[in-house]
Amino acid sequence: MNLNLDNKVILVSGGAKGIGEAITRTIAAEGGIPIIIDPSLELGHKLVEELTSKKQKAHLIPLRLLEPQHAEEAVEKTIGKFGSIDGVVNNAGANDGIGLEYGSPQAFRKSVENNLGHYYDLVHYALPHLKSSKGSIVNISSKTAVTGQGNTSGYTAAKGAQLSLTREWAVELLPYGIRVNAVIPAEVMTPLYQKWLDTFEQPDQKLALIQNRIPFGNRMTTAQEIADTVVFLLSDRSSHTTGQHIYVDGGYTHLDRAIGRE
């Protein structure tokens, strides 16, 4: 299926690794121009070089979106080089383990800001250009927003807010023909996920336990499966889809997670 993404300029926060990298690769494979907003300079340059060697397009803006001006700078640099913005993928973030009992009010507020603020900032500064292109926005959330996890209050609060903003922005941006959707992963193998697994004494056993709880296929979702859904939502092939929370999780969130367990 041709997704009609040729030369479409799409901002991808955290686009150099994990789910973001898969999204970057998929946009480029579809003929789009992913703008990788990621502080991982070495990984980002390596990814751009690889895509360029395949005659695909990509551009790195090595920024960590900690303050509003960083998002503004990313948008200005993109417009300066390419002249337009056709989509935004809000993806960057980290499950930082700031809980209730063992956290603090200060750490909680910082966690929420670090995982949520740049979602608003990037879309705010990109909005005039999205209005011109009638672009699309995709927010990457997490199943923890609806299931909870334990000991990660800041992250789950931010992820829940991302789902709320998805609906809010879909309503606000209706007059401009801008679509806004969220993709909700559950268990996806990424470098960060592997780092978390490695904190257990027996990582392989922990992984097997998790996979056994995923109803469809008893396996992890791949980053590519997330990326395929995201890129479809960016494209005009999903032209009448907005305000949706789309779970790409092998049924983990809504099917009974006891299915298939011994």
Protein backbone atom coordinates (compact mmCIF):
# COMPACT_ATOMS: atom_id res chain seq x y z
CA MET A 1 0.00 0.00 0.00
CA ASN A 2 1.36 3.42 -0.96
CA LEU A 3 1.02 5.65 2.10
CA ASN A 4 1.64 8.82 0.07
CA LEU A 5 4.40 10.00 2.38
CA ASP A 6 6.88 11.03 -0.32
CA ASN A 7 8.89 14.02 0.93
CA LYS A 8 6.58 14.54 3.91
CA VAL A 9 8.56 16.12 6.76
CA ILE A 10 7.81 14.48 10.10
CA LEU A 11 9.28 15.34 13.49
CA VAL A 12 10.11 12.29 15.64
CA SER A 13 11.19 12.98 19.22
CA GLY A 14 13.48 10.28 20.57
CA GLY A 15 13.85 9.03 17.01
CA ALA A 16 17.35 7.54 17.22
CA LYS A 17 16.68 4.40 19.25
CA GLY A 18 14.04 1.94 20.39
CA ILE A 19 10.50 2.51 19.14
CA GLY A 20 11.53 5.94 17.83
CA GLU A 21 14.23 4.40 15.64
CA ALA A 22 11.72 1.96 14.14
CA ILE A 23 9.37 4.87 13.39
CA THR A 24 12.22 6.82 11.78
CA ARG A 25 13.19 3.87 9.61
CA THR A 26 9.61 3.26 8.51
CA ILE A 27 8.95 6.89 7.59
CA ALA A 28 12.15 6.92 5.53
CA ALA A 29 11.28 3.61 3.83
CA GLU A 30 7.94 5.12 2.83
CA GLY A 31 9.67 8.07 1.17
CA GLY A 32 9.14 10.56 3.98
CA ILE A 33 11.77 12.71 5.69
CA PRO A 34 12.03 11.88 9.40
CA ILE A 35 13.49 14.66 11.51
CA ILE A 36 15.19 12.84 14.37
CA ILE A 37 15.07 15.00 17.50
CA ASP A 38 17.33 13.08 19.84
CA PRO A 39 20.38 13.92 21.99
CA SER A 40 22.05 10.60 21.08
CA LEU A 41 24.53 12.17 18.67
CA GLU A 42 26.47 9.05 17.71
CA LEU A 43 23.40 6.85 17.23
CA GLY A 44 21.59 9.60 15.37
CA HIS A 45 24.41 10.25 12.92
CA LYS A 46 24.88 6.54 12.34
CA LEU A 47 21.17 6.12 11.58
CA VAL A 48 21.11 9.07 9.17
CA GLU A 49 24.21 7.76 7.38
CA GLU A 50 22.69 4.31 7.03
CA LEU A 51 19.41 5.64 5.64
CA THR A 52 21.24 7.98 3.27
CA SER A 53 23.28 5.05 1.95
CA LYS A 54 19.98 3.42 1.00
CA LYS A 55 18.94 6.54 -0.94
CA GLN A 56 16.49 7.42 1.81
CA LYS A 57 16.17 10.77 3.56
CA ALA A 58 16.56 11.71 7.22
CA HIS A 59 17.88 14.60 9.27
CA LEU A 60 19.20 14.77 12.84
CA ILE A 61 18.59 17.59 15.29
CA PRO A 62 20.62 16.59 18.37
CA LEU A 63 18.50 18.10 21.13
CA ARG A 64 17.00 16.87 24.37
CA LEU A 65 13.62 18.57 24.75
CA LEU A 66 13.96 19.73 28.35
CA GLU A 67 12.71 23.29 27.91
CA PRO A 68 10.15 24.93 25.59
CA GLN A 69 12.89 26.75 23.70
CA HIS A 70 14.42 23.42 22.69
CA ALA A 71 11.19 22.45 20.92
CA GLU A 72 11.01 25.90 19.35
CA GLU A 73 14.58 25.51 18.11
CA ALA A 74 13.85 22.08 16.62
CA VAL A 75 10.88 23.48 14.71
CA GLU A 76 12.82 26.53 13.50
CA LYS A 77 15.71 24.39 12.26
CA THR A 78 13.31 22.07 10.45
CA ILE A 79 11.52 24.94 8.73
CA GLY A 80 14.83 26.59 7.88
CA LYS A 81 16.05 23.48 6.08
CA PHE A 82 12.86 21.94 4.67
CA GLY A 83 10.25 24.69 4.70
CA SER A 84 7.35 22.62 6.01
CA ILE A 85 6.18 20.16 8.67
CA ASP A 86 3.65 17.48 7.79
CA GLY A 87 3.53 15.46 11.01
CA VAL A 88 4.70 15.14 14.60
CA VAL A 89 5.42 11.95 16.50
CA ASN A 90 5.74 12.59 20.23
CA ASN A 91 7.74 9.62 21.43
CA ALA A 92 10.60 10.57 23.74
CA GLY A 93 10.35 9.63 27.41
CA ALA A 94 11.52 7.21 30.07
CA ASN A 95 9.90 5.12 32.78
CA ASP A 96 11.94 6.63 35.59
CA GLY A 97 10.46 4.79 38.58
CA ILE A 98 9.29 7.78 40.62
CA GLY A 99 6.71 6.17 42.90
CA LEU A 100 4.43 7.35 45.69
CA GLU A 101 5.83 5.71 48.81
CA TYR A 102 9.50 6.00 47.90
CA GLY A 103 9.32 9.06 45.66
CA SER A 104 8.96 12.71 46.59
CA PRO A 105 6.74 15.60 45.47
CA GLN A 106 9.75 17.23 43.84
CA ALA A 107 10.77 14.09 41.93
CA PHE A 108 7.15 13.49 40.90
CA ARG A 109 6.80 16.95 39.39
CA LYS A 110 10.11 16.62 37.56
CA SER A 111 9.11 13.22 36.16
CA VAL A 112 5.78 14.53 34.87
CA GLU A 113 7.45 17.54 33.29
CA ASN A 114 10.19 15.45 31.66
CA ASN A 115 7.72 12.98 30.16
CA LEU A 116 4.87 15.34 29.29
CA GLY A 117 5.99 18.94 28.79
CA HIS A 118 7.78 18.40 25.49
CA TYR A 119 4.70 16.71 23.97
CA TYR A 120 2.87 20.02 24.33
CA ASP A 121 5.87 22.15 23.41
CA LEU A 122 6.67 20.40 20.13
CA VAL A 123 3.09 20.48 18.87
CA HIS A 124 2.63 24.09 20.01
CA TYR A 125 5.56 25.34 17.96
CA ALA A 126 4.84 23.07 15.00
CA LEU A 127 1.15 23.98 14.89
CA PRO A 128 1.30 26.91 12.41
CA HIS A 129 3.05 24.61 9.94
CA LEU A 130 0.71 21.68 10.61
CA LYS A 131 -2.21 23.99 9.87
CA SER A 132 -0.69 24.77 6.47
CA SER A 133 -0.09 21.11 5.64
CA LYS A 134 -3.19 19.70 7.40
CA GLY A 135 -0.75 17.37 9.08
CA SER A 136 -1.12 14.53 11.55
CA ILE A 137 -0.01 14.10 15.17
CA VAL A 138 0.68 10.78 16.87
CA ASN A 139 1.37 10.58 20.59
CA ILE A 140 3.12 7.48 21.90
CA SER A 141 1.64 6.62 25.31
CA SER A 142 1.86 3.43 27.38
CA LYS A 143 -0.43 0.75 28.74
CA THR A 144 0.70 1.82 32.20
CA ALA A 145 -1.61 4.82 31.77
CA VAL A 146 -4.62 2.52 32.01
CA THR A 147 -3.33 -0.54 33.88
CA GLY A 148 -0.95 1.01 36.40
CA GLN A 149 2.38 -0.61 37.15
CA GLY A 150 3.41 0.31 40.65
CA ASN A 151 6.22 2.61 41.79
CA THR A 152 6.12 4.87 38.75
CA SER A 153 3.62 7.62 39.55
CA GLY A 154 5.28 10.36 37.52
CA TYR A 155 5.57 8.34 34.33
CA THR A 156 2.02 6.97 34.46
CA ALA A 157 0.60 10.42 35.23
CA ALA A 158 2.36 11.79 32.15
CA LYS A 159 1.21 8.88 29.99
CA GLY A 160 -2.39 9.32 31.12
CA ALA A 161 -2.18 13.02 30.35
CA GLN A 162 -0.90 12.22 26.86
CA LEU A 163 -4.05 10.22 26.21
CA SER A 164 -6.18 13.08 27.48
CA LEU A 165 -4.33 15.61 25.31
CA THR A 166 -4.86 13.36 22.30
CA ARG A 167 -8.62 13.72 22.66
CA GLU A 168 -8.39 17.42 23.57
CA TRP A 169 -6.20 18.29 20.59
CA ALA A 170 -8.33 16.21 18.23
CA VAL A 171 -11.29 18.40 19.19
CA GLU A 172 -9.41 21.70 19.10
CA LEU A 173 -7.74 21.01 15.76
CA LEU A 174 -10.82 19.74 13.90
CA PRO A 175 -11.32 23.08 12.10
CA TYR A 176 -7.82 22.81 10.63
CA GLY A 177 -8.13 19.25 9.34
CA ILE A 178 -5.36 18.08 11.66
CA ARG A 179 -5.78 14.54 12.96
CA VAL A 180 -4.50 13.52 16.41
CA ASN A 181 -4.21 9.93 17.61
CA ALA A 182 -2.35 7.95 20.26
CA VAL A 183 -0.63 4.58 19.99
CA ILE A 184 -0.40 2.57 23.19
CA PRO A 185 2.29 -0.11 23.39
CA ALA A 186 2.52 -2.61 26.24
CA GLU A 187 5.54 -4.93 26.25
CA VAL A 188 8.03 -3.97 23.51
CA MET A 189 11.64 -5.11 23.47
CA THR A 190 13.84 -2.01 23.31
CA PRO A 191 17.28 -1.22 24.79
CA LEU A 192 15.57 0.48 27.75
CA TYR A 193 13.33 -2.53 28.30
CA GLN A 194 16.32 -4.87 28.23
CA LYS A 195 18.10 -2.62 30.72
CA TRP A 196 15.10 -2.99 33.03
CA LEU A 197 15.07 -6.78 32.58
CA ASP A 198 18.74 -6.91 33.48
CA THR A 199 17.96 -5.53 36.93
CA PHE A 200 16.45 -8.92 37.85
CA GLU A 201 18.54 -11.84 39.09
CA GLN A 202 17.16 -14.07 36.33
CA PRO A 203 16.25 -11.84 33.36
CA ASP A 204 15.33 -14.75 31.07
CA GLN A 205 12.84 -16.12 33.57
CA LYS A 206 11.32 -12.67 34.05
CA LEU A 207 10.99 -12.28 30.28
CA ALA A 208 9.35 -15.70 29.94
CA LEU A 209 6.83 -14.80 32.66
CA ILE A 210 5.93 -11.56 30.90
CA GLN A 211 5.61 -13.17 27.49
CA ASN A 212 3.35 -15.86 28.90
CA ARG A 213 0.93 -13.08 29.93
CA ILE A 214 0.66 -11.62 26.42
CA PRO A 215 -2.42 -13.32 24.92
CA PHE A 216 -1.65 -13.07 21.21
CA GLY A 217 1.26 -15.37 20.46
CA ASN A 218 2.74 -15.18 23.97
CA ARG A 219 5.45 -12.88 22.67
CA MET A 220 6.63 -9.31 22.93
CA THR A 221 5.35 -6.72 20.49
CA THR A 222 8.10 -5.62 18.11
CA ALA A 223 9.12 -2.00 17.67
CA GLN A 224 8.36 -2.45 13.97
CA GLU A 225 4.75 -3.37 14.75
CA ILE A 226 4.39 -0.12 16.69
CA ALA A 227 6.05 1.84 13.89
CA ASP A 228 3.79 0.39 11.20
CA THR A 229 0.71 1.59 13.06
CA VAL A 230 2.20 5.01 13.75
CA VAL A 231 3.18 5.60 10.13
CA PHE A 232 -0.25 4.50 8.92
CA LEU A 233 -1.80 7.08 11.24
CA LEU A 234 0.54 9.74 9.88
CA SER A 235 -0.56 8.98 6.35
CA ASP A 236 -3.67 10.04 4.47
CA ARG A 237 -4.65 6.38 4.31
CA SER A 238 -6.07 6.97 7.80
CA SER A 239 -7.78 10.17 6.68
CA HIS A 240 -10.94 9.74 8.79
CA THR A 241 -9.27 8.55 12.00
CA THR A 242 -8.80 11.08 14.80
CA GLY A 243 -9.03 11.20 18.58
CA GLN A 244 -8.32 7.48 18.85
CA HIS A 245 -6.34 5.48 21.40
CA ILE A 246 -4.99 2.50 19.48
CA TYR A 247 -3.52 -0.42 21.40
CA VAL A 248 -0.75 -2.37 19.67
CA ASP A 249 -0.06 -4.89 22.40
CA GLY A 250 -1.06 -8.42 21.45
CA GLY A 251 -4.22 -8.02 23.52
CA TYR A 252 -2.26 -7.47 26.72
CA THR A 253 -4.28 -4.54 28.04
CA HIS A 254 -7.86 -5.58 27.34
CA LEU A 255 -7.87 -9.34 26.98
CA ASP A 256 -7.66 -11.37 30.17
CA ARG A 257 -3.96 -11.60 30.93
CA ALA A 258 -4.56 -14.92 32.66
CA ILE A 259 -5.24 -16.57 29.28
CA GLY A 260 -2.67 -19.23 28.61
CA ARG A 261 -1.09 -19.08 32.04
CA GLU A 262 -0.35 -22.28 33.87
